[in-house]
């Protein structure tokens, strides 16, 4: 029954199938540009996944059925078009991982093999009378050229496959550990496209298997189709980002699709699912790598244990200097690790120290103003205001309460 359905889709309703493929190809193009200008990496990777998949469907339609009049003319785009996409993806991911670019000459060099294939295919198709002639089936007297180009192209394919996976691994932290739907994939229409792709992939896999078993004409493109189906799926999996959680670690997505996480063994807090905001309330996109964030968090916790906040001249700038960083990144680390702004967190630490001093009867040695200076305040009025804000009473009232309870 399934075989009969495939025959129906492939032969008896070829124009319906063609329209279906073209419609999805247009959707994939839209997805590509939607992700290209998006601010979050999951959107871009997801869109590249759909774009490559759409091109695969077109390639399969042209090469497998051979029943569209202009298929031969369009063959000059295949498979050279695939190898044009891979360097673009490689350089984009490299820029994300390394934040640096090569010279333009070296960048263009990466596109030479694909450009040669496109030019040769174009010349062969438009200088010969057969609409099906392409680089894959030119006469045997040119077999040496075919072998050389095939070796170069497959070498290029393997190189970019390895490099892309490498940079995806570097920029997509722990993405290979386990796959789950991200906040982007939970959007219903995107999920619908992904499910549709899965259905089409199953149909196409069956068609490829059917062609190999019954030795149907496929213009020797089957290996290319299988290879690019595999790599497009591998790339697509990175769009569904997942972090395998060690004990005590909370991982959430913010509203841009980026992952924000914290080691709660050192911070012991939950992170809210929102963008990191600085003290002024301005939303900013994190530029810290997970490794650098953890380094700053460890240094921050060390300084807090040393009670650096008790210094009267302690502020965000001095803390950033002690951490060998800048105020923006330090503020971000404080926000992520505590769920509070820098000022709020330091205020609470100082008031907690003041409460301890009052409870330990240090008022017999120091005045309230003296305690305020010990915990880092140079203004008694600010100390009184913050103390009442956090405890509901002034320092004097708190002291009287302690005495009454004795």
Protein backbone atom coordinates (compact mmCIF):
# COMPACT_ATOMS: atom_id res chain seq x y z
CA UNK A 1 0.00 0.00 0.00
CA UNK A 2 2.79 2.40 0.90
CA UNK A 3 4.58 1.55 -2.33
CA UNK A 4 1.41 2.27 -4.32
CA UNK A 5 1.11 5.61 -2.54
CA UNK A 6 4.69 6.47 -3.47
CA UNK A 7 4.04 5.56 -7.09
CA UNK A 8 0.93 7.73 -7.06
CA UNK A 9 2.79 10.70 -5.60
CA UNK A 10 5.85 10.27 -7.79
CA UNK A 11 4.35 9.50 -11.20
CA UNK A 12 0.58 10.03 -11.42
CA UNK A 13 0.51 13.30 -9.50
CA UNK A 14 3.91 14.70 -10.36
CA UNK A 15 2.64 18.27 -10.73
CA UNK A 16 0.86 18.12 -7.39
CA UNK A 17 4.08 16.83 -5.86
CA UNK A 18 6.07 19.54 -7.66
CA UNK A 19 3.79 22.31 -6.38
CA UNK A 20 4.01 20.88 -2.87
CA UNK A 21 7.80 20.90 -3.00
CA UNK A 22 7.98 24.41 -4.46
CA UNK A 23 5.65 25.75 -1.79
CA UNK A 24 7.77 24.30 0.95
CA UNK A 25 10.92 25.57 -0.74
CA UNK A 26 9.50 29.11 -0.64
CA UNK A 27 8.66 28.64 3.04
CA UNK A 28 12.22 27.48 3.66
CA UNK A 29 13.59 30.59 1.94
CA UNK A 30 11.37 32.78 4.12
CA UNK A 31 12.55 30.88 7.19
CA UNK A 32 16.16 31.46 6.14
CA UNK A 33 15.80 35.23 5.94
CA UNK A 34 13.70 35.28 9.09
CA UNK A 35 16.55 33.59 10.94
CA UNK A 36 19.33 35.42 9.12
CA UNK A 37 18.38 38.74 10.69
CA UNK A 38 17.20 37.28 13.98
CA UNK A 39 19.03 38.10 17.19
CA UNK A 40 19.22 34.57 18.54
CA UNK A 41 21.39 31.74 17.28
CA UNK A 42 18.70 29.00 17.58
CA UNK A 43 16.51 30.87 15.09
CA UNK A 44 19.36 31.16 12.60
CA UNK A 45 20.39 27.51 12.86
CA UNK A 46 16.77 26.42 12.57
CA UNK A 47 16.32 28.53 9.44
CA UNK A 48 19.52 27.15 7.87
CA UNK A 49 18.20 23.69 8.58
CA UNK A 50 15.00 24.42 6.66
CA UNK A 51 16.85 26.15 3.81
CA UNK A 52 19.17 23.21 3.21
CA UNK A 53 16.24 20.83 3.49
CA UNK A 54 14.30 22.81 0.89
CA UNK A 55 17.19 22.64 -1.57
CA UNK A 56 17.44 18.90 -0.97
CA UNK A 57 13.78 18.51 -1.92
CA UNK A 58 14.30 20.44 -5.13
CA UNK A 59 17.36 18.34 -5.93
CA UNK A 60 15.42 15.17 -5.32
CA UNK A 61 12.52 16.35 -7.46
CA UNK A 62 14.75 17.25 -10.40
CA UNK A 63 17.22 14.39 -10.20
CA UNK A 64 14.96 11.55 -9.12
CA UNK A 65 11.90 11.99 -11.32
CA UNK A 66 13.47 13.74 -14.33
CA UNK A 67 9.97 14.67 -15.45
CA UNK A 68 10.11 18.46 -15.33
CA UNK A 69 10.97 20.06 -18.63
CA UNK A 70 13.56 22.51 -17.30
CA UNK A 71 15.15 20.08 -14.86
CA UNK A 72 18.27 19.65 -16.98
CA UNK A 73 18.78 23.41 -17.28
CA UNK A 74 18.54 23.81 -13.54
CA UNK A 75 20.98 20.98 -12.86
CA UNK A 76 23.92 23.38 -13.08
CA UNK A 77 22.94 24.52 -9.57
CA UNK A 78 23.38 20.99 -8.23
CA UNK A 79 25.39 19.94 -6.36
CA UNK A 80 27.50 23.12 -6.56
CA UNK A 81 24.80 25.04 -4.77
CA UNK A 82 25.21 22.81 -1.74
CA UNK A 83 28.90 23.61 -1.50
CA UNK A 84 28.21 27.33 -1.69
CA UNK A 85 25.99 27.10 1.39
CA UNK A 86 28.50 25.21 3.52
CA UNK A 87 31.28 27.85 3.46
CA UNK A 88 28.74 30.53 4.36
CA UNK A 89 27.57 28.50 7.36
CA UNK A 90 31.18 27.77 8.30
CA UNK A 91 32.27 31.41 8.32
CA UNK A 92 29.19 32.54 10.19
CA UNK A 93 29.67 29.98 12.95
CA UNK A 94 33.38 30.71 13.06
CA UNK A 95 32.66 34.39 13.59
CA UNK A 96 30.34 33.47 16.47
CA UNK A 97 32.92 31.23 18.10
CA UNK A 98 36.11 33.24 17.54
CA UNK A 99 34.82 36.77 16.96
CA UNK A 100 37.38 37.24 14.18
CA UNK A 101 37.43 37.14 10.41
CA UNK A 102 39.91 35.99 7.80
CA UNK A 103 41.10 38.10 4.88
CA UNK A 104 38.71 38.39 1.94
CA UNK A 105 41.17 36.54 -0.31
CA UNK A 106 41.18 33.52 1.98
CA UNK A 107 37.40 33.63 2.33
CA UNK A 108 36.93 33.66 -1.46
CA UNK A 109 39.35 30.75 -1.76
CA UNK A 110 36.88 28.58 0.15
CA UNK A 111 34.27 29.11 -2.56
CA UNK A 112 36.51 28.26 -5.54
CA UNK A 113 35.70 24.50 -5.79
CA UNK A 114 31.95 25.13 -5.70
CA UNK A 115 32.30 28.01 -8.17
CA UNK A 116 34.25 25.79 -10.58
CA UNK A 117 31.56 23.12 -10.39
CA UNK A 118 28.83 25.65 -11.08
CA UNK A 119 30.69 27.09 -14.07
CA UNK A 120 31.56 23.69 -15.56
CA UNK A 121 28.01 22.41 -15.15
CA UNK A 122 26.65 25.61 -16.66
CA UNK A 123 28.93 25.32 -19.71
CA UNK A 124 28.20 21.61 -20.21
CA UNK A 125 24.44 22.08 -20.03
CA UNK A 126 24.18 25.10 -22.30
CA UNK A 127 26.73 23.96 -24.91
CA UNK A 128 25.18 20.49 -25.40
CA UNK A 129 21.78 19.69 -26.82
CA UNK A 130 20.67 17.19 -24.20
CA UNK A 131 18.84 18.81 -21.31
CA UNK A 132 20.00 16.09 -18.91
CA UNK A 133 23.75 16.38 -19.41
CA UNK A 134 25.60 17.42 -16.29
CA UNK A 135 28.96 16.88 -14.68
CA UNK A 136 27.70 13.61 -13.23
CA UNK A 137 27.30 11.85 -16.62
CA UNK A 138 29.70 13.39 -19.16
CA UNK A 139 31.59 11.03 -21.53
CA UNK A 140 34.22 8.60 -20.27
CA UNK A 141 37.05 10.45 -21.98
CA UNK A 142 36.60 13.15 -19.35
CA UNK A 143 36.56 10.69 -16.45
CA UNK A 144 39.85 12.02 -15.05
CA UNK A 145 38.31 15.46 -14.69
CA UNK A 146 35.30 13.95 -12.95
CA UNK A 147 37.46 12.03 -10.50
CA UNK A 148 39.56 15.08 -9.65
CA UNK A 149 36.55 17.30 -9.12
CA UNK A 150 34.74 14.62 -7.13
CA UNK A 151 37.76 14.22 -4.84
CA UNK A 152 38.03 17.99 -4.37
CA UNK A 153 34.32 18.40 -3.72
CA UNK A 154 34.04 15.49 -1.31
CA UNK A 155 37.16 16.73 0.47
CA UNK A 156 35.54 20.13 0.77
CA UNK A 157 32.29 18.59 1.95
CA UNK A 158 34.01 16.59 4.70
CA UNK A 159 36.12 19.59 5.75
CA UNK A 160 33.12 21.88 6.21
CA UNK A 161 31.06 19.14 7.82
CA UNK A 162 33.74 18.66 10.48
CA UNK A 163 34.30 22.40 10.92
CA UNK A 164 30.60 23.23 11.16
CA UNK A 165 30.02 20.50 13.73
CA UNK A 166 33.07 21.74 15.64
CA UNK A 167 31.83 25.33 15.82
CA UNK A 168 28.27 24.27 16.52
CA UNK A 169 29.63 22.23 19.40
CA UNK A 170 31.59 25.24 20.62
CA UNK A 171 28.74 27.73 20.33
CA UNK A 172 25.92 25.33 21.24
CA UNK A 173 26.94 24.26 24.75
CA UNK A 174 26.25 20.55 25.33
CA UNK A 175 23.82 20.47 22.39
CA UNK A 176 24.66 16.88 21.45
CA UNK A 177 23.99 15.47 24.91
CA UNK A 178 20.26 15.25 24.50
CA UNK A 179 17.71 16.74 22.15
CA UNK A 180 14.57 18.54 23.24
CA UNK A 181 12.38 21.28 21.83
CA UNK A 182 13.58 24.79 22.61
CA UNK A 183 11.44 27.85 23.12
CA UNK A 184 11.69 28.51 19.37
CA UNK A 185 10.41 25.06 18.42
CA UNK A 186 7.45 25.37 20.75
CA UNK A 187 5.95 27.97 18.43
CA UNK A 188 3.19 25.98 16.75
CA UNK A 189 3.78 26.95 13.13
CA UNK A 190 7.50 26.22 13.40
CA UNK A 191 6.78 22.89 15.02
CA UNK A 192 4.33 22.15 12.21
CA UNK A 193 7.05 22.81 9.62
CA UNK A 194 9.42 20.53 11.46
CA UNK A 195 6.85 17.73 11.59
CA UNK A 196 6.14 18.24 7.88
CA UNK A 197 9.83 17.95 7.15
CA UNK A 198 9.96 14.72 9.11
CA UNK A 199 7.10 13.28 7.06
CA UNK A 200 8.72 14.35 3.79
CA UNK A 201 12.03 12.89 4.93
CA UNK A 202 10.40 9.52 5.50
CA UNK A 203 8.75 9.65 2.07
CA UNK A 204 11.99 10.67 0.41
CA UNK A 205 13.97 7.98 2.21
CA UNK A 206 11.48 5.40 0.98
CA UNK A 207 11.79 6.74 -2.58
CA UNK A 208 15.57 6.56 -2.43
CA UNK A 209 15.41 3.00 -1.12
CA UNK A 210 12.88 2.11 -3.81
CA UNK A 211 15.14 3.57 -6.52
CA UNK A 212 18.17 1.64 -5.30
CA UNK A 213 16.29 -1.66 -5.03
CA UNK A 214 14.62 -1.41 -8.43
CA UNK A 215 17.64 0.30 -10.04
CA UNK A 216 15.72 3.27 -11.33
CA UNK A 217 17.52 6.11 -13.10
CA UNK A 218 18.67 8.75 -10.61
CA UNK A 219 21.58 10.43 -12.44
CA UNK A 220 24.01 9.20 -9.78
CA UNK A 221 22.81 11.80 -7.33
CA UNK A 222 21.64 9.39 -4.62
CA UNK A 223 24.85 9.58 -2.57
CA UNK A 224 24.68 13.36 -2.59
CA UNK A 225 21.06 13.32 -1.47
CA UNK A 226 21.76 10.89 1.37
CA UNK A 227 24.84 12.84 2.49
CA UNK A 228 23.07 16.18 2.59
CA UNK A 229 19.96 14.80 4.24
CA UNK A 230 22.21 13.51 7.00
CA UNK A 231 24.20 16.71 7.47
CA UNK A 232 21.10 18.93 7.32
CA UNK A 233 19.44 16.87 10.04
CA UNK A 234 22.60 17.04 12.17
CA UNK A 235 22.72 20.82 11.77
CA UNK A 236 19.00 21.07 12.45
CA UNK A 237 19.33 19.24 15.76
CA UNK A 238 21.41 22.10 17.12
CA UNK A 239 18.42 24.41 16.81
CA UNK A 240 16.70 22.41 19.53
CA UNK A 241 19.08 23.36 22.28
CA UNK A 242 19.28 21.36 25.47
CA UNK A 243 21.50 21.47 28.51
CA UNK A 244 22.05 18.35 30.57
CA UNK A 245 21.70 19.58 34.10
CA UNK A 246 24.20 18.61 36.79
CA UNK A 247 22.85 18.53 40.32
CA UNK A 248 21.97 21.97 41.60
CA UNK A 249 22.09 23.75 38.25
CA UNK A 250 19.14 25.63 36.84
CA UNK A 251 18.84 26.23 33.10
CA UNK A 252 16.24 28.46 31.48
CA UNK A 253 15.69 30.22 28.18
CA UNK A 254 15.30 33.97 28.10
CA UNK A 255 12.81 35.60 25.75
CA UNK A 256 15.35 35.90 22.93
CA UNK A 257 15.87 32.14 22.78
CA UNK A 258 19.32 32.31 24.37
CA UNK A 259 20.22 30.01 27.24
CA UNK A 260 20.86 31.58 30.63
CA UNK A 261 22.09 29.32 33.41
CA UNK A 262 23.65 29.39 36.84
CA UNK A 263 25.47 27.01 39.14
CA UNK A 264 23.20 27.09 42.16
CA UNK A 265 25.79 25.38 44.36
CA UNK A 266 27.62 28.70 44.40
CA UNK A 267 24.71 31.04 43.79
CA UNK A 268 21.89 28.95 45.33
CA UNK A 269 19.18 30.84 43.48
CA UNK A 270 16.70 30.27 40.70
CA UNK A 271 17.07 32.30 37.52
CA UNK A 272 13.96 33.89 36.15
CA UNK A 273 13.26 33.43 32.45
CA UNK A 274 13.97 36.94 31.25
CA UNK A 275 16.77 38.91 29.64
CA UNK A 276 19.55 40.10 31.85
CA UNK A 277 19.05 43.74 32.80
CA UNK A 278 21.61 46.18 34.11
CA UNK A 279 21.01 48.49 37.05
CA UNK A 280 19.33 51.10 34.86
CA UNK A 281 16.82 48.53 33.66
CA UNK A 282 18.16 48.53 30.10
CA UNK A 283 17.84 45.11 28.49
CA UNK A 284 21.07 43.87 26.99
CA UNK A 285 22.04 40.70 25.22
CA UNK A 286 24.73 38.72 26.98
CA UNK A 287 28.12 38.60 25.28
CA UNK A 288 29.71 36.46 27.98
CA UNK A 289 30.63 32.89 27.17
CA UNK A 290 29.50 30.26 29.71
CA UNK A 291 33.13 29.62 30.65
CA UNK A 292 33.89 33.30 31.28
CA UNK A 293 30.66 33.73 33.22
CA UNK A 294 31.58 30.84 35.50
CA UNK A 295 35.06 32.32 36.06
CA UNK A 296 33.59 35.67 37.03
CA UNK A 297 30.99 34.01 39.24
CA UNK A 298 33.66 32.05 41.11
CA UNK A 299 35.72 35.22 41.63
CA UNK A 300 32.64 37.15 42.72
CA UNK A 301 31.71 34.53 45.33
CA UNK A 302 35.28 34.55 46.63
CA UNK A 303 35.25 38.32 47.11
CA UNK A 304 31.85 38.19 48.79
CA UNK A 305 33.15 35.57 51.24
CA UNK A 306 36.02 37.97 52.02
CA UNK A 307 33.37 40.62 52.75
CA UNK A 308 34.83 43.14 50.35
CA UNK A 309 31.46 44.93 50.42
CA UNK A 310 32.19 46.24 53.93
CA UNK A 311 34.65 48.77 52.50
CA UNK A 312 33.15 52.26 52.48
CA UNK A 313 34.50 52.96 48.97
CA UNK A 314 33.18 49.67 47.58
CA UNK A 315 31.10 50.03 44.41
CA UNK A 316 30.46 48.31 41.08
CA UNK A 317 33.53 49.84 39.45
CA UNK A 318 35.87 48.77 42.24
CA UNK A 319 34.38 45.28 42.19
CA UNK A 320 34.88 45.05 38.43
CA UNK A 321 38.49 46.10 38.86
CA UNK A 322 39.04 43.43 41.52
CA UNK A 323 37.55 40.83 39.15
CA UNK A 324 39.65 41.98 36.15
CA UNK A 325 36.53 42.71 34.17
CA UNK A 326 34.21 45.62 33.40
CA UNK A 327 31.12 46.92 35.14
CA UNK A 328 28.73 45.61 32.48
CA UNK A 329 29.85 41.99 32.76
CA UNK A 330 30.11 42.08 36.54
CA UNK A 331 26.61 43.52 36.78
CA UNK A 332 25.39 40.76 34.49
CA UNK A 333 27.00 38.06 36.64
CA UNK A 334 25.47 39.54 39.79
CA UNK A 335 22.04 39.73 38.16
CA UNK A 336 22.20 36.14 36.91
CA UNK A 337 23.63 34.62 40.09
CA UNK A 338 21.43 36.47 42.59
CA UNK A 339 18.35 37.48 40.63
CA UNK A 340 18.89 41.04 41.94
CA UNK A 341 20.66 44.18 40.85
CA UNK A 342 24.12 44.94 42.20
CA UNK A 343 22.84 47.68 44.54
CA UNK A 344 20.03 45.52 45.92
CA UNK A 345 22.32 42.59 46.63
CA UNK A 346 25.07 44.64 48.32
CA UNK A 347 22.47 46.54 50.34
CA UNK A 348 21.10 43.27 51.71
CA UNK A 349 24.57 41.97 52.58
CA UNK A 350 25.45 45.15 54.48
CA UNK A 351 22.18 45.26 56.38
CA UNK A 352 22.56 41.57 57.32
CA UNK A 353 26.00 42.40 58.75
CA UNK A 354 24.55 45.35 60.64
CA UNK A 355 21.83 43.15 62.16
CA UNK A 356 24.48 40.67 63.33
CA UNK A 357 26.48 43.45 64.97
CA UNK A 358 23.39 44.79 66.74
CA UNK A 359 22.33 41.30 67.88
CA UNK A 360 25.82 40.66 69.27
CA UNK A 361 25.46 43.74 71.50
CA UNK A 362 28.14 45.67 69.69
CA UNK A 363 26.09 48.80 70.36
CA UNK A 364 27.82 48.85 73.73
CA UNK A 365 31.05 49.54 71.86
CA UNK A 366 29.77 51.39 68.80
CA UNK A 367 27.01 53.82 68.09
CA UNK A 368 24.47 53.19 65.35
CA UNK A 369 26.44 55.56 63.15
CA UNK A 370 29.63 53.64 63.94
CA UNK A 371 27.98 50.36 62.93
CA UNK A 372 26.82 51.94 59.68
CA UNK A 373 30.43 52.79 58.82
CA UNK A 374 31.62 49.31 59.79
CA UNK A 375 29.23 47.75 57.28
CA UNK A 376 30.26 50.14 54.50
CA UNK A 377 27.94 53.15 54.75
CA UNK A 378 29.32 56.68 54.81
CA UNK A 379 25.88 58.17 55.34
CA UNK A 380 23.82 57.51 58.45
CA UNK A 381 20.60 58.57 56.73
CA UNK A 382 21.15 56.10 53.86
CA UNK A 383 21.89 53.36 56.36
CA UNK A 384 18.72 54.09 58.35
CA UNK A 385 16.64 54.22 55.17
CA UNK A 386 17.97 50.92 53.81
CA UNK A 387 17.70 49.23 57.20
CA UNK A 388 14.04 50.18 57.55
CA UNK A 389 13.33 49.18 53.96
CA UNK A 390 14.63 45.64 54.55
CA UNK A 391 13.58 45.04 58.17
CA UNK A 392 10.54 47.26 58.57
CA UNK A 393 12.10 49.20 61.44
CA UNK A 394 14.93 51.64 62.08
CA UNK A 395 18.24 50.46 63.62
CA UNK A 396 17.24 52.01 66.96
CA UNK A 397 13.87 50.25 66.90
CA UNK A 398 15.58 46.97 66.01
CA UNK A 399 17.98 47.42 68.92
CA UNK A 400 15.10 48.11 71.29
CA UNK A 401 13.33 44.98 70.05
CA UNK A 402 16.42 42.90 70.84
CA UNK A 403 16.57 44.34 74.35
CA UNK A 404 12.87 43.69 74.94
CA UNK A 405 13.24 40.04 73.94
CA UNK A 406 16.00 39.43 76.48
